Amino acid sequence: MAKVLALKFDLTLAQRAGCNRLTINSNNTEGIDTMNDGGQSAGAAATIFDDCFHYACGFVTGRFEHCNREANKVAHELARLARSSLTSDWFEQPLNEIVMIIRNDLLLVTNE
């Protein structure tokens, strides 16, 4: 459930930032498959998946792709934090808990 809520947050954040082309990478195979199948789910998160699909339709292009957890550490940490904190301020200031993970990801990209 936390990963689906994180997806909804990501889509909302992308809309607020004015993005119009979107690629979502997740290690949640079920979530990626559900979004690629039109957001149709019979599980407990069906309503949230439906919301996510309709948000995604608002972008010029939107893709949902699977990636390994190691390549998705920031999203994993955000999903974990979403369970216990308010997300309303995340847009203005990155959480201290993820800043180091983001820096490490950038270092890997620039050193490759």
Protein backbone atom coordinates (compact mmCIF):
# COMPACT_ATOMS: atom_id res chain seq x y z
CA MET A 1 0.00 0.00 0.00
CA ALA A 2 2.86 2.40 0.83
CA LYS A 3 4.31 2.06 -2.67
CA VAL A 4 0.97 2.84 -4.30
CA LEU A 5 0.60 5.91 -2.08
CA ALA A 6 4.14 6.92 -3.02
CA LEU A 7 3.22 6.56 -6.71
CA LYS A 8 0.23 8.84 -6.20
CA PHE A 9 2.47 11.35 -4.43
CA ASP A 10 5.04 11.14 -7.25
CA LEU A 11 2.42 11.82 -9.89
CA THR A 12 1.04 14.76 -7.92
CA LEU A 13 4.53 16.14 -7.41
CA ALA A 14 5.30 15.85 -11.14
CA GLN A 15 2.08 17.72 -11.96
CA ARG A 16 2.91 20.48 -9.47
CA ALA A 17 6.41 20.78 -10.94
CA GLY A 18 4.92 21.24 -14.42
CA CYS A 19 6.28 18.02 -15.92
CA ASN A 20 4.58 16.79 -19.06
CA ARG A 21 6.64 13.69 -19.94
CA LEU A 22 7.00 11.07 -17.28
CA THR A 23 8.79 7.77 -16.75
CA ILE A 24 8.08 6.00 -13.48
CA ASN A 25 10.59 3.35 -12.42
CA SER A 26 9.67 1.02 -9.60
CA ASN A 27 10.77 -2.30 -8.16
CA ASN A 28 7.10 -3.06 -7.48
CA THR A 29 6.30 -5.44 -10.34
CA GLU A 30 2.63 -5.68 -9.39
CA GLY A 31 2.26 -1.89 -9.39
CA ILE A 32 4.01 -1.48 -12.74
CA ASP A 33 1.91 -4.24 -14.31
CA THR A 34 -1.28 -2.70 -12.88
CA MET A 35 -0.47 0.75 -14.26
CA ASN A 36 0.47 -0.69 -17.66
CA ASP A 37 -2.88 -2.52 -17.66
CA GLY A 38 -4.86 0.71 -17.25
CA GLY A 39 -4.77 0.94 -13.45
CA GLN A 40 -7.23 -1.91 -13.03
CA SER A 41 -6.80 -3.72 -9.72
CA ALA A 42 -9.02 -5.88 -7.56
CA GLY A 43 -6.85 -5.44 -4.46
CA ALA A 44 -7.15 -3.17 -1.46
CA ALA A 45 -5.40 -0.36 -3.36
CA ALA A 46 -7.78 -0.44 -6.35
CA THR A 47 -9.10 3.10 -5.79
CA ILE A 48 -5.60 4.53 -5.44
CA PHE A 49 -4.42 2.73 -8.60
CA ASP A 50 -7.43 4.17 -10.43
CA ASP A 51 -6.52 7.69 -9.21
CA CYS A 52 -2.90 7.16 -10.27
CA PHE A 53 -3.92 6.02 -13.72
CA HIS A 54 -6.11 9.10 -14.21
CA TYR A 55 -3.31 11.38 -12.99
CA ALA A 56 -0.93 9.68 -15.43
CA CYS A 57 -3.34 10.30 -18.31
CA GLY A 58 -2.83 14.03 -17.73
CA PHE A 59 0.78 13.84 -18.98
CA VAL A 60 1.75 14.07 -22.64
CA THR A 61 3.66 10.82 -22.27
CA GLY A 62 3.83 8.46 -19.36
CA ARG A 63 5.68 5.17 -19.02
CA PHE A 64 5.86 2.70 -16.17
CA GLU A 65 8.96 0.52 -16.05
CA HIS A 66 10.32 -2.06 -13.64
CA CYS A 67 13.77 -1.57 -12.14
CA ASN A 68 15.74 -3.34 -9.43
CA ARG A 69 15.52 -2.09 -5.86
CA GLU A 70 19.21 -1.10 -5.88
CA ALA A 71 18.46 1.36 -8.68
CA ASN A 72 15.48 2.81 -6.84
CA LYS A 73 16.74 3.59 -3.33
CA VAL A 74 15.30 7.11 -3.11
CA ALA A 75 11.80 5.95 -4.03
CA HIS A 76 12.05 3.07 -1.57
CA GLU A 77 13.03 5.45 1.24
CA LEU A 78 10.24 7.89 0.33
CA ALA A 79 7.70 5.07 0.45
CA ARG A 80 8.99 4.06 3.87
CA LEU A 81 8.80 7.64 5.15
CA ALA A 82 5.32 8.19 3.69
CA ARG A 83 3.91 5.73 6.19
CA SER A 84 4.78 7.90 9.18
CA SER A 85 5.11 11.53 8.12
CA LEU A 86 3.19 14.33 6.50
CA THR A 87 4.13 14.77 2.86
CA SER A 88 2.79 18.30 2.33
CA ASP A 89 6.19 19.95 2.76
CA TRP A 90 8.23 17.53 0.65
CA PHE A 91 7.85 19.60 -2.50
CA GLU A 92 9.51 22.69 -1.06
CA GLN A 93 12.44 21.07 0.77
CA PRO A 94 13.91 17.58 0.36
CA LEU A 95 13.83 15.47 3.48
CA ASN A 96 17.16 15.15 5.27
CA GLU A 97 16.62 11.38 5.31
CA ILE A 98 16.87 11.19 1.52
CA VAL A 99 19.45 13.88 0.75
CA MET A 100 22.39 11.51 1.33
CA ILE A 101 20.79 8.80 -0.81
CA ILE A 102 20.29 11.32 -3.62
CA ARG A 103 23.91 12.46 -3.33
CA ASN A 104 25.11 8.85 -3.50
CA ASP A 105 22.98 8.24 -6.61
CA LEU A 106 24.43 11.35 -8.25
CA LEU A 107 27.95 10.29 -7.41
CA LEU A 108 27.35 6.91 -9.03
CA VAL A 109 26.00 8.56 -12.17
CA THR A 110 28.83 11.10 -12.48
CA ASN A 111 31.57 8.56 -11.72
CA GLU A 112 30.43 6.02 -14.29
